[in-house]
Amino acid sequence: FTNIHIAAIAGSLRKNSFNKKLLQSAVNLLPENTSFEILDL
């Protein structure tokens, strides 16, 4: 793979959702050539 794009969703629409915060933290764990986007529902 040259580039991997991950699209993630948090099931909660709450502004301070714990799941959304976990997803935001996952950005720091991505390997090279990987992009990450949290989709807004």
PDB file of all heavy atoms in Angstrom:
ATOM      1  N   PHE A   1       0.829  -1.188   0.000  1.00  0.00           N
ATOM      2  CA  PHE A   1       0.000   0.000   0.000  1.00  0.00           C
ATOM      3  C   PHE A   1       0.874   1.251   0.000  1.00  0.00           C
ATOM      4  O   PHE A   1       1.844   1.340   0.742  1.00  0.00           O
ATOM      5  CB  PHE A   1      -0.912   0.045   1.236  1.00  0.00           C
ATOM      6  CG  PHE A   1      -1.878  -1.101   1.293  1.00  0.00           C
ATOM      7  CD1 PHE A   1      -1.727  -2.103   2.232  1.00  0.00           C
ATOM      8  CD2 PHE A   1      -2.943  -1.175   0.410  1.00  0.00           C
ATOM      9  CE1 PHE A   1      -2.618  -3.153   2.300  1.00  0.00           C
ATOM     10  CE2 PHE A   1      -3.839  -2.227   0.459  1.00  0.00           C
ATOM     11  CZ  PHE A   1      -3.674  -3.221   1.396  1.00  0.00           C
ATOM     12  N   THR A   2       0.514   2.214  -0.837  1.00  0.00           N
ATOM     13  CA  THR A   2       1.249   3.473  -0.815  1.00  0.00           C
ATOM     14  C   THR A   2       0.593   4.455   0.137  1.00  0.00           C
ATOM     15  O   THR A   2       1.272   5.165   0.853  1.00  0.00           O
ATOM     16  CB  THR A   2       1.346   4.085  -2.220  1.00  0.00           C
ATOM     17  OG1 THR A   2       0.032   4.212  -2.753  1.00  0.00           O
ATOM     18  CG2 THR A   2       2.182   3.209  -3.134  1.00  0.00           C
ATOM     19  N   ASN A   3      -0.726   4.492   0.146  1.00  0.00           N
ATOM     20  CA  ASN A   3      -1.472   5.364   1.059  1.00  0.00           C
ATOM     21  C   ASN A   3      -2.713   4.637   1.535  1.00  0.00           C
ATOM     22  O   ASN A   3      -3.402   3.998   0.750  1.00  0.00           O
ATOM     23  CB  ASN A   3      -1.895   6.659   0.362  1.00  0.00           C
ATOM     24  CG  ASN A   3      -0.710   7.527   0.027  1.00  0.00           C
ATOM     25  OD1 ASN A   3       0.099   7.816   0.893  1.00  0.00           O
ATOM     26  ND2 ASN A   3      -0.608   7.929  -1.213  1.00  0.00           N
ATOM     27  N   ILE A   4      -2.987   4.754   2.798  1.00  0.00           N
ATOM     28  CA  ILE A   4      -4.199   4.180   3.381  1.00  0.00           C
ATOM     29  C   ILE A   4      -4.979   5.320   4.005  1.00  0.00           C
ATOM     30  O   ILE A   4      -4.417   6.141   4.730  1.00  0.00           O
ATOM     31  CB  ILE A   4      -3.856   3.122   4.454  1.00  0.00           C
ATOM     32  CG1 ILE A   4      -3.104   1.963   3.831  1.00  0.00           C
ATOM     33  CG2 ILE A   4      -5.126   2.644   5.147  1.00  0.00           C
ATOM     34  CD1 ILE A   4      -2.567   0.966   4.830  1.00  0.00           C
ATOM     35  N   HIS A   5      -6.258   5.385   3.697  1.00  0.00           N
ATOM     36  CA  HIS A   5      -7.117   6.402   4.296  1.00  0.00           C
ATOM     37  C   HIS A   5      -8.155   5.694   5.151  1.00  0.00           C
ATOM     38  O   HIS A   5      -8.852   4.800   4.674  1.00  0.00           O
ATOM     39  CB  HIS A   5      -7.813   7.236   3.222  1.00  0.00           C
ATOM     40  CG  HIS A   5      -8.680   8.302   3.793  1.00  0.00           C
ATOM     41  ND1 HIS A   5      -8.157   9.439   4.383  1.00  0.00           N
ATOM     42  CD2 HIS A   5     -10.019   8.391   3.905  1.00  0.00           C
ATOM     43  CE1 HIS A   5      -9.157  10.190   4.816  1.00  0.00           C
ATOM     44  NE2 HIS A   5     -10.290   9.568   4.539  1.00  0.00           N
ATOM     45  N   ILE A   6      -8.249   6.086   6.397  1.00  0.00           N
ATOM     46  CA  ILE A   6      -9.220   5.512   7.330  1.00  0.00           C
ATOM     47  C   ILE A   6     -10.289   6.558   7.596  1.00  0.00           C
ATOM     48  O   ILE A   6      -9.982   7.685   7.983  1.00  0.00           O
ATOM     49  CB  ILE A   6      -8.546   5.101   8.653  1.00  0.00           C
ATOM     50  CG1 ILE A   6      -7.487   4.032   8.391  1.00  0.00           C
ATOM     51  CG2 ILE A   6      -9.592   4.614   9.656  1.00  0.00           C
ATOM     52  CD1 ILE A   6      -6.614   3.724   9.590  1.00  0.00           C
ATOM     53  N   ALA A   7     -11.526   6.188   7.357  1.00  0.00           N
ATOM     54  CA  ALA A   7     -12.667   7.035   7.682  1.00  0.00           C
ATOM     55  C   ALA A   7     -13.352   6.413   8.886  1.00  0.00           C
ATOM     56  O   ALA A   7     -13.749   5.249   8.857  1.00  0.00           O
ATOM     57  CB  ALA A   7     -13.627   7.126   6.497  1.00  0.00           C
ATOM     58  N   ALA A   8     -13.473   7.178   9.955  1.00  0.00           N
ATOM     59  CA  ALA A   8     -14.032   6.661  11.204  1.00  0.00           C
ATOM     60  C   ALA A   8     -15.283   7.446  11.586  1.00  0.00           C
ATOM     61  O   ALA A   8     -15.415   8.618  11.242  1.00  0.00           O
ATOM     62  CB  ALA A   8     -13.001   6.769  12.317  1.00  0.00           C
ATOM     63  N   ILE A   9     -16.167   6.780  12.283  1.00  0.00           N
ATOM     64  CA  ILE A   9     -17.357   7.459  12.811  1.00  0.00           C
ATOM     65  C   ILE A   9     -17.506   7.136  14.289  1.00  0.00           C
ATOM     66  O   ILE A   9     -17.185   6.042  14.727  1.00  0.00           O
ATOM     67  CB  ILE A   9     -18.650   7.071  12.054  1.00  0.00           C
ATOM     68  CG1 ILE A   9     -18.892   5.560  12.091  1.00  0.00           C
ATOM     69  CG2 ILE A   9     -18.620   7.565  10.631  1.00  0.00           C
ATOM     70  CD1 ILE A   9     -20.231   5.135  11.540  1.00  0.00           C
ATOM     71  N   ALA A  10     -17.960   8.129  15.018  1.00  0.00           N
ATOM     72  CA  ALA A  10     -18.309   7.932  16.426  1.00  0.00           C
ATOM     73  C   ALA A  10     -19.831   7.876  16.478  1.00  0.00           C
ATOM     74  O   ALA A  10     -20.502   8.726  15.899  1.00  0.00           O
ATOM     75  CB  ALA A  10     -17.772   9.074  17.274  1.00  0.00           C
ATOM     76  N   GLY A  11     -20.353   6.889  17.126  1.00  0.00           N
ATOM     77  CA  GLY A  11     -21.796   6.712  17.165  1.00  0.00           C
ATOM     78  C   GLY A  11     -22.545   7.788  17.922  1.00  0.00           C
ATOM     79  O   GLY A  11     -23.740   7.968  17.734  1.00  0.00           O
ATOM     80  N   SER A  12     -21.864   8.533  18.738  1.00  0.00           N
ATOM     81  CA  SER A  12     -22.500   9.575  19.527  1.00  0.00           C
ATOM     82  C   SER A  12     -22.338  10.927  18.848  1.00  0.00           C
ATOM     83  O   SER A  12     -21.285  11.241  18.303  1.00  0.00           O
ATOM     84  CB  SER A  12     -21.865   9.634  20.918  1.00  0.00           C
ATOM     85  OG  SER A  12     -22.369  10.729  21.642  1.00  0.00           O
ATOM     86  N   LEU A  13     -23.389  11.735  18.884  1.00  0.00           N
ATOM     87  CA  LEU A  13     -23.330  13.089  18.337  1.00  0.00           C
ATOM     88  C   LEU A  13     -22.960  14.104  19.415  1.00  0.00           C
ATOM     89  O   LEU A  13     -22.831  15.295  19.133  1.00  0.00           O
ATOM     90  CB  LEU A  13     -24.675  13.463  17.709  1.00  0.00           C
ATOM     91  CG  LEU A  13     -25.133  12.594  16.541  1.00  0.00           C
ATOM     92  CD1 LEU A  13     -26.497  13.051  16.050  1.00  0.00           C
ATOM     93  CD2 LEU A  13     -24.124  12.606  15.417  1.00  0.00           C
ATOM     94  N   ARG A  14     -22.799  13.650  20.648  1.00  0.00           N
ATOM     95  CA  ARG A  14     -22.486  14.523  21.765  1.00  0.00           C
ATOM     96  C   ARG A  14     -21.180  15.271  21.529  1.00  0.00           C
ATOM     97  O   ARG A  14     -20.201  14.706  21.027  1.00  0.00           O
ATOM     98  CB  ARG A  14     -22.355  13.664  23.027  1.00  0.00           C
ATOM     99  CG  ARG A  14     -22.801  14.339  24.277  1.00  0.00           C
ATOM    100  CD  ARG A  14     -22.774  13.332  25.439  1.00  0.00           C
ATOM    101  NE  ARG A  14     -21.786  13.836  26.376  1.00  0.00           N
ATOM    102  CZ  ARG A  14     -20.621  13.278  26.618  1.00  0.00           C
ATOM    103  NH1 ARG A  14     -20.278  12.170  26.044  1.00  0.00           N
ATOM    104  NH2 ARG A  14     -19.799  13.818  27.472  1.00  0.00           N
ATOM    105  N   LYS A  15     -21.154  16.551  21.850  1.00  0.00           N
ATOM    106  CA  LYS A  15     -19.978  17.392  21.625  1.00  0.00           C
ATOM    107  C   LYS A  15     -18.725  16.804  22.275  1.00  0.00           C
ATOM    108  O   LYS A  15     -17.659  16.766  21.673  1.00  0.00           O
ATOM    109  CB  LYS A  15     -20.255  18.799  22.157  1.00  0.00           C
ATOM    110  CG  LYS A  15     -19.115  19.765  21.942  1.00  0.00           C
ATOM    111  CD  LYS A  15     -19.455  21.132  22.482  1.00  0.00           C
ATOM    112  CE  LYS A  15     -18.298  22.085  22.326  1.00  0.00           C
ATOM    113  NZ  LYS A  15     -18.614  23.404  22.871  1.00  0.00           N
ATOM    114  N   ASN A  16     -18.834  16.350  23.505  1.00  0.00           N
ATOM    115  CA  ASN A  16     -17.689  15.805  24.243  1.00  0.00           C
ATOM    116  C   ASN A  16     -17.740  14.282  24.341  1.00  0.00           C
ATOM    117  O   ASN A  16     -17.410  13.712  25.371  1.00  0.00           O
ATOM    118  CB  ASN A  16     -17.612  16.431  25.634  1.00  0.00           C
ATOM    119  CG  ASN A  16     -17.254  17.893  25.576  1.00  0.00           C
ATOM    120  OD1 ASN A  16     -16.343  18.270  24.850  1.00  0.00           O
ATOM    121  ND2 ASN A  16     -17.962  18.723  26.318  1.00  0.00           N
ATOM    122  N   SER A  17     -18.131  13.646  23.261  1.00  0.00           N
ATOM    123  CA  SER A  17     -18.248  12.192  23.220  1.00  0.00           C
ATOM    124  C   SER A  17     -16.909  11.530  23.548  1.00  0.00           C
ATOM    125  O   SER A  17     -15.866  11.896  22.997  1.00  0.00           O
ATOM    126  CB  SER A  17     -18.706  11.766  21.823  1.00  0.00           C
ATOM    127  OG  SER A  17     -18.468  10.410  21.598  1.00  0.00           O
ATOM    128  N   PHE A  18     -16.937  10.556  24.437  1.00  0.00           N
ATOM    129  CA  PHE A  18     -15.726   9.811  24.773  1.00  0.00           C
ATOM    130  C   PHE A  18     -15.213   9.039  23.557  1.00  0.00           C
ATOM    131  O   PHE A  18     -14.012   8.939  23.335  1.00  0.00           O
ATOM    132  CB  PHE A  18     -15.966   8.849  25.944  1.00  0.00           C
ATOM    133  CG  PHE A  18     -16.228   9.549  27.239  1.00  0.00           C
ATOM    134  CD1 PHE A  18     -17.436   9.401  27.888  1.00  0.00           C
ATOM    135  CD2 PHE A  18     -15.270  10.371  27.812  1.00  0.00           C
ATOM    136  CE1 PHE A  18     -17.681  10.054  29.087  1.00  0.00           C
ATOM    137  CE2 PHE A  18     -15.500  11.027  29.007  1.00  0.00           C
ATOM    138  CZ  PHE A  18     -16.714  10.863  29.645  1.00  0.00           C
ATOM    139  N   ASN A  19     -16.141   8.472  22.774  1.00  0.00           N
ATOM    140  CA  ASN A  19     -15.729   7.718  21.591  1.00  0.00           C
ATOM    141  C   ASN A  19     -15.026   8.624  20.577  1.00  0.00           C
ATOM    142  O   ASN A  19     -14.033   8.228  19.968  1.00  0.00           O
ATOM    143  CB  ASN A  19     -16.929   7.038  20.936  1.00  0.00           C
ATOM    144  CG  ASN A  19     -17.443   5.898  21.769  1.00  0.00           C
ATOM    145  OD1 ASN A  19     -16.688   5.254  22.483  1.00  0.00           O
ATOM    146  ND2 ASN A  19     -18.734   5.647  21.696  1.00  0.00           N
ATOM    147  N   LYS A  20     -15.531   9.839  20.396  1.00  0.00           N
ATOM    148  CA  LYS A  20     -14.887  10.771  19.469  1.00  0.00           C
ATOM    149  C   LYS A  20     -13.494  11.159  19.982  1.00  0.00           C
ATOM    150  O   LYS A  20     -12.543  11.270  19.220  1.00  0.00           O
ATOM    151  CB  LYS A  20     -15.735  12.010  19.273  1.00  0.00           C
ATOM    152  CG  LYS A  20     -15.196  12.920  18.173  1.00  0.00           C
ATOM    153  CD  LYS A  20     -16.053  14.149  17.978  1.00  0.00           C
ATOM    154  CE  LYS A  20     -17.328  13.761  17.272  1.00  0.00           C
ATOM    155  NZ  LYS A  20     -18.151  14.933  16.929  1.00  0.00           N
ATOM    156  N   LYS A  21     -13.371  11.325  21.300  1.00  0.00           N
ATOM    157  CA  LYS A  21     -12.060  11.642  21.873  1.00  0.00           C
ATOM    158  C   LYS A  21     -11.073  10.495  21.661  1.00  0.00           C
ATOM    159  O   LYS A  21      -9.890  10.719  21.385  1.00  0.00           O
ATOM    160  CB  LYS A  21     -12.190  11.963  23.360  1.00  0.00           C
ATOM    161  CG  LYS A  21     -12.838  13.309  23.612  1.00  0.00           C
ATOM    162  CD  LYS A  21     -12.933  13.596  25.084  1.00  0.00           C
ATOM    163  CE  LYS A  21     -13.599  14.951  25.308  1.00  0.00           C
ATOM    164  NZ  LYS A  21     -13.625  15.345  26.696  1.00  0.00           N
ATOM    165  N   LEU A  22     -11.552   9.266  21.777  1.00  0.00           N
ATOM    166  CA  LEU A  22     -10.692   8.111  21.512  1.00  0.00           C
ATOM    167  C   LEU A  22     -10.232   8.090  20.059  1.00  0.00           C
ATOM    168  O   LEU A  22      -9.062   7.828  19.761  1.00  0.00           O
ATOM    169  CB  LEU A  22     -11.423   6.810  21.849  1.00  0.00           C
ATOM    170  CG  LEU A  22     -11.567   6.486  23.322  1.00  0.00           C
ATOM    171  CD1 LEU A  22     -12.519   5.313  23.519  1.00  0.00           C
ATOM    172  CD2 LEU A  22     -10.215   6.183  23.930  1.00  0.00           C
ATOM    173  N   LEU A  23     -11.146   8.388  19.150  1.00  0.00           N
ATOM    174  CA  LEU A  23     -10.779   8.441  17.738  1.00  0.00           C
ATOM    175  C   LEU A  23      -9.752   9.543  17.473  1.00  0.00           C
ATOM    176  O   LEU A  23      -8.795   9.336  16.720  1.00  0.00           O
ATOM    177  CB  LEU A  23     -12.019   8.667  16.868  1.00  0.00           C
ATOM    178  CG  LEU A  23     -12.996   7.503  16.768  1.00  0.00           C
ATOM    179  CD1 LEU A  23     -14.242   7.912  15.999  1.00  0.00           C
ATOM    180  CD2 LEU A  23     -12.335   6.306  16.110  1.00  0.00           C
ATOM    181  N   GLN A  24      -9.937  10.679  18.101  1.00  0.00           N
ATOM    182  CA  GLN A  24      -8.985  11.778  17.927  1.00  0.00           C
ATOM    183  C   GLN A  24      -7.604  11.389  18.453  1.00  0.00           C
ATOM    184  O   GLN A  24      -6.583  11.779  17.893  1.00  0.00           O
ATOM    185  CB  GLN A  24      -9.503  13.043  18.614  1.00  0.00           C
ATOM    186  CG  GLN A  24     -10.701  13.637  17.911  1.00  0.00           C
ATOM    187  CD  GLN A  24     -11.445  14.670  18.741  1.00  0.00           C
ATOM    188  OE1 GLN A  24     -11.323  14.715  19.962  1.00  0.00           O
ATOM    189  NE2 GLN A  24     -12.242  15.495  18.077  1.00  0.00           N
ATOM    190  N   SER A  25      -7.576  10.602  19.504  1.00  0.00           N
ATOM    191  CA  SER A  25      -6.303  10.141  20.057  1.00  0.00           C
ATOM    192  C   SER A  25      -5.632   9.111  19.149  1.00  0.00           C
ATOM    193  O   SER A  25      -4.404   9.002  19.134  1.00  0.00           O
ATOM    194  CB  SER A  25      -6.517   9.513  21.431  1.00  0.00           C
ATOM    195  OG  SER A  25      -6.982  10.478  22.339  1.00  0.00           O
ATOM    196  N   ALA A  26      -6.424   8.373  18.400  1.00  0.00           N
ATOM    197  CA  ALA A  26      -5.875   7.333  17.524  1.00  0.00           C
ATOM    198  C   ALA A  26      -4.986   7.920  16.438  1.00  0.00           C
ATOM    199  O   ALA A  26      -4.115   7.226  15.903  1.00  0.00           O
ATOM    200  CB  ALA A  26      -7.011   6.531  16.901  1.00  0.00           C
ATOM    201  N   VAL A  27      -5.167   9.181  16.107  1.00  0.00           N
ATOM    202  CA  VAL A  27      -4.344   9.832  15.080  1.00  0.00           C
ATOM    203  C   VAL A  27      -2.861   9.707  15.426  1.00  0.00           C
ATOM    204  O   VAL A  27      -2.026   9.531  14.550  1.00  0.00           O
ATOM    205  CB  VAL A  27      -4.758  11.317  14.920  1.00  0.00           C
ATOM    206  CG1 VAL A  27      -3.791  12.067  14.038  1.00  0.00           C
ATOM    207  CG2 VAL A  27      -6.169  11.414  14.385  1.00  0.00           C
ATOM    208  N   ASN A  28      -2.543   9.755  16.694  1.00  0.00           N
ATOM    209  CA  ASN A  28      -1.144   9.674  17.134  1.00  0.00           C
ATOM    210  C   ASN A  28      -0.541   8.281  16.973  1.00  0.00           C
ATOM    211  O   ASN A  28       0.668   8.119  17.112  1.00  0.00           O
ATOM    212  CB  ASN A  28      -1.025  10.115  18.591  1.00  0.00           C
ATOM    213  CG  ASN A  28      -1.489  11.533  18.791  1.00  0.00           C
ATOM    214  OD1 ASN A  28      -1.240  12.395  17.959  1.00  0.00           O
ATOM    215  ND2 ASN A  28      -2.174  11.796  19.883  1.00  0.00           N
ATOM    216  N   LEU A  29      -1.363   7.290  16.700  1.00  0.00           N
ATOM    217  CA  LEU A  29      -0.890   5.908  16.607  1.00  0.00           C
ATOM    218  C   LEU A  29      -0.795   5.409  15.168  1.00  0.00           C
ATOM    219  O   LEU A  29      -0.457   4.247  14.944  1.00  0.00           O
ATOM    220  CB  LEU A  29      -1.830   4.984  17.399  1.00  0.00           C
ATOM    221  CG  LEU A  29      -2.013   5.330  18.873  1.00  0.00           C
ATOM    222  CD1 LEU A  29      -3.095   4.458  19.485  1.00  0.00           C
ATOM    223  CD2 LEU A  29      -0.706   5.174  19.610  1.00  0.00           C
ATOM    224  N   LEU A  30      -1.076   6.275  14.204  1.00  0.00           N
ATOM    225  CA  LEU A  30      -1.111   5.848  12.807  1.00  0.00           C
ATOM    226  C   LEU A  30       0.277   5.552  12.264  1.00  0.00           C
ATOM    227  O   LEU A  30       1.234   6.276  12.546  1.00  0.00           O
ATOM    228  CB  LEU A  30      -1.747   6.931  11.941  1.00  0.00           C
ATOM    229  CG  LEU A  30      -3.211   7.240  12.220  1.00  0.00           C
ATOM    230  CD1 LEU A  30      -3.662   8.409  11.354  1.00  0.00           C
ATOM    231  CD2 LEU A  30      -4.070   6.027  11.964  1.00  0.00           C
ATOM    232  N   PRO A  31       0.384   4.513  11.463  1.00  0.00           N
ATOM    233  CA  PRO A  31       1.661   4.249  10.801  1.00  0.00           C
ATOM    234  C   PRO A  31       1.873   5.239   9.642  1.00  0.00           C
ATOM    235  O   PRO A  31       0.968   5.980   9.271  1.00  0.00           O
ATOM    236  CB  PRO A  31       1.499   2.817  10.274  1.00  0.00           C
ATOM    237  CG  PRO A  31       0.036   2.608  10.170  1.00  0.00           C
ATOM    238  CD  PRO A  31      -0.602   3.481  11.216  1.00  0.00           C
ATOM    239  N   GLU A  32       3.056   5.201   9.079  1.00  0.00           N
ATOM    240  CA  GLU A  32       3.368   6.054   7.931  1.00  0.00           C
ATOM    241  C   GLU A  32       2.387   5.811   6.793  1.00  0.00           C
ATOM    242  O   GLU A  32       1.826   4.725   6.663  1.00  0.00           O
ATOM    243  CB  GLU A  32       4.773   5.742   7.419  1.00  0.00           C
ATOM    244  CG  GLU A  32       5.885   6.377   8.196  1.00  0.00           C
ATOM    245  CD  GLU A  32       7.221   6.126   7.517  1.00  0.00           C
ATOM    246  OE1 GLU A  32       7.307   6.209   6.281  1.00  0.00           O
ATOM    247  OE2 GLU A  32       8.159   5.825   8.266  1.00  0.00           O
ATOM    248  N   ASN A  33       2.231   6.806   5.950  1.00  0.00           N
ATOM    249  CA  ASN A  33       1.386   6.718   4.760  1.00  0.00           C
ATOM    250  C   ASN A  33      -0.073   6.417   5.076  1.00  0.00           C
ATOM    251  O   ASN A  33      -0.776   5.788   4.291  1.00  0.00           O
ATOM    252  CB  ASN A  33       1.915   5.681   3.767  1.00  0.00           C
ATOM    253  CG  ASN A  33       3.309   5.999   3.314  1.00  0.00           C
ATOM    254  OD1 ASN A  33       3.645   7.165   3.100  1.00  0.00           O
ATOM    255  ND2 ASN A  33       4.138   4.984   3.185  1.00  0.00           N
ATOM    256  N   THR A  34      -0.515   6.824   6.252  1.00  0.00           N
ATOM    257  CA  THR A  34      -1.898   6.599   6.644  1.00  0.00           C
ATOM    258  C   THR A  34      -2.530   7.925   7.033  1.00  0.00           C
ATOM    259  O   THR A  34      -1.963   8.688   7.808  1.00  0.00           O
ATOM    260  CB  THR A  34      -1.974   5.630   7.847  1.00  0.00           C
ATOM    261  OG1 THR A  34      -1.299   4.429   7.509  1.00  0.00           O
ATOM    262  CG2 THR A  34      -3.400   5.310   8.207  1.00  0.00           C
ATOM    263  N   SER A  35      -3.689   8.185   6.461  1.00  0.00           N
ATOM    264  CA  SER A  35      -4.448   9.377   6.851  1.00  0.00           C
ATOM    265  C   SER A  35      -5.711   8.923   7.559  1.00  0.00           C
ATOM    266  O   SER A  35      -6.176   7.797   7.389  1.00  0.00           O
ATOM    267  CB  SER A  35      -4.774  10.238   5.631  1.00  0.00           C
ATOM    268  OG  SER A  35      -5.540   9.506   4.695  1.00  0.00           O
ATOM    269  N   PHE A  36      -6.246   9.794   8.336  1.00  0.00           N
ATOM    270  CA  PHE A  36      -7.360   9.451   9.230  1.00  0.00           C
ATOM    271  C   PHE A  36      -8.342  10.607   9.239  1.00  0.00           C
ATOM    272  O   PHE A  36      -7.937  11.767   9.348  1.00  0.00           O
ATOM    273  CB  PHE A  36      -6.799   9.212  10.632  1.00  0.00           C
ATOM    274  CG  PHE A  36      -7.796   8.731  11.640  1.00  0.00           C
ATOM    275  CD1 PHE A  36      -8.111   7.395  11.736  1.00  0.00           C
ATOM    276  CD2 PHE A  36      -8.406   9.620  12.506  1.00  0.00           C
ATOM    277  CE1 PHE A  36      -9.009   6.942  12.685  1.00  0.00           C
ATOM    278  CE2 PHE A  36      -9.309   9.179  13.456  1.00  0.00           C
ATOM    279  CZ  PHE A  36      -9.605   7.841  13.543  1.00  0.00           C
ATOM    280  N   GLU A  37      -9.603  10.291   9.107  1.00  0.00           N
ATOM    281  CA  GLU A  37     -10.640  11.318   9.086  1.00  0.00           C
ATOM    282  C   GLU A  37     -11.819  10.848   9.927  1.00  0.00           C
ATOM    283  O   GLU A  37     -12.264   9.708   9.786  1.00  0.00           O
ATOM    284  CB  GLU A  37     -11.080  11.537   7.640  1.00  0.00           C
ATOM    285  CG  GLU A  37     -12.222  12.467   7.448  1.00  0.00           C
ATOM    286  CD  GLU A  37     -12.619  12.568   5.975  1.00  0.00           C
ATOM    287  OE1 GLU A  37     -12.203  11.724   5.173  1.00  0.00           O
ATOM    288  OE2 GLU A  37     -13.362  13.502   5.665  1.00  0.00           O
ATOM    289  N   ILE A  38     -12.315  11.713  10.792  1.00  0.00           N
ATOM    290  CA  ILE A  38     -13.513  11.402  11.566  1.00  0.00           C
ATOM    291  C   ILE A  38     -14.686  12.040  10.830  1.00  0.00           C
ATOM    292  O   ILE A  38     -14.737  13.259  10.640  1.00  0.00           O
ATOM    293  CB  ILE A  38     -13.413  11.934  13.001  1.00  0.00           C
ATOM    294  CG1 ILE A  38     -12.218  11.303  13.707  1.00  0.00           C
ATOM    295  CG2 ILE A  38     -14.710  11.645  13.766  1.00  0.00           C
ATOM    296  CD1 ILE A  38     -11.925  11.898  15.071  1.00  0.00           C
ATOM    297  N   LEU A  39     -15.608  11.209  10.377  1.00  0.00           N
ATOM    298  CA  LEU A  39     -16.760  11.697   9.641  1.00  0.00           C
ATOM    299  C   LEU A  39     -17.838  12.173  10.611  1.00  0.00           C
ATOM    300  O   LEU A  39     -18.116  11.517  11.615  1.00  0.00           O
ATOM    301  CB  LEU A  39     -17.317  10.603   8.732  1.00  0.00           C
ATOM    302  CG  LEU A  39     -16.347  10.048   7.692  1.00  0.00           C
ATOM    303  CD1 LEU A  39     -17.011   8.948   6.888  1.00  0.00           C
ATOM    304  CD2 LEU A  39     -15.847  11.150   6.778  1.00  0.00           C
ATOM    305  N   ASP A  40     -18.419  13.294  10.295  1.00  0.00           N
ATOM    306  CA  ASP A  40     -19.455  13.895  11.135  1.00  0.00           C
ATOM    307  C   ASP A  40     -20.827  13.387  10.692  1.00  0.00           C
ATOM    308  O   ASP A  40     -21.196  13.517   9.525  1.00  0.00           O
ATOM    309  CB  ASP A  40     -19.380  15.415  10.997  1.00  0.00           C
ATOM    310  CG  ASP A  40     -20.349  16.146  11.906  1.00  0.00           C
ATOM    311  OD1 ASP A  40     -20.968  15.500  12.788  1.00  0.00           O
ATOM    312  OD2 ASP A  40     -20.483  17.368  11.738  1.00  0.00           O
ATOM    313  N   LEU A  41     -21.559  12.808  11.610  1.00  0.00           N
ATOM    314  CA  LEU A  41     -22.885  12.273  11.309  1.00  0.00           C
ATOM    315  C   LEU A  41     -24.009  13.265  11.595  1.00  0.00           C
ATOM    316  O   LEU A  41     -25.160  13.002  11.257  1.00  0.00           O
ATOM    317  CB  LEU A  41     -23.144  11.009  12.143  1.00  0.00           C
ATOM    318  CG  LEU A  41     -22.201   9.840  11.937  1.00  0.00           C
ATOM    319  CD1 LEU A  41     -22.566   8.714  12.903  1.00  0.00           C
ATOM    320  CD2 LEU A  41     -22.254   9.355  10.516  1.00  0.00           C
TER     321      LEU A  41
END
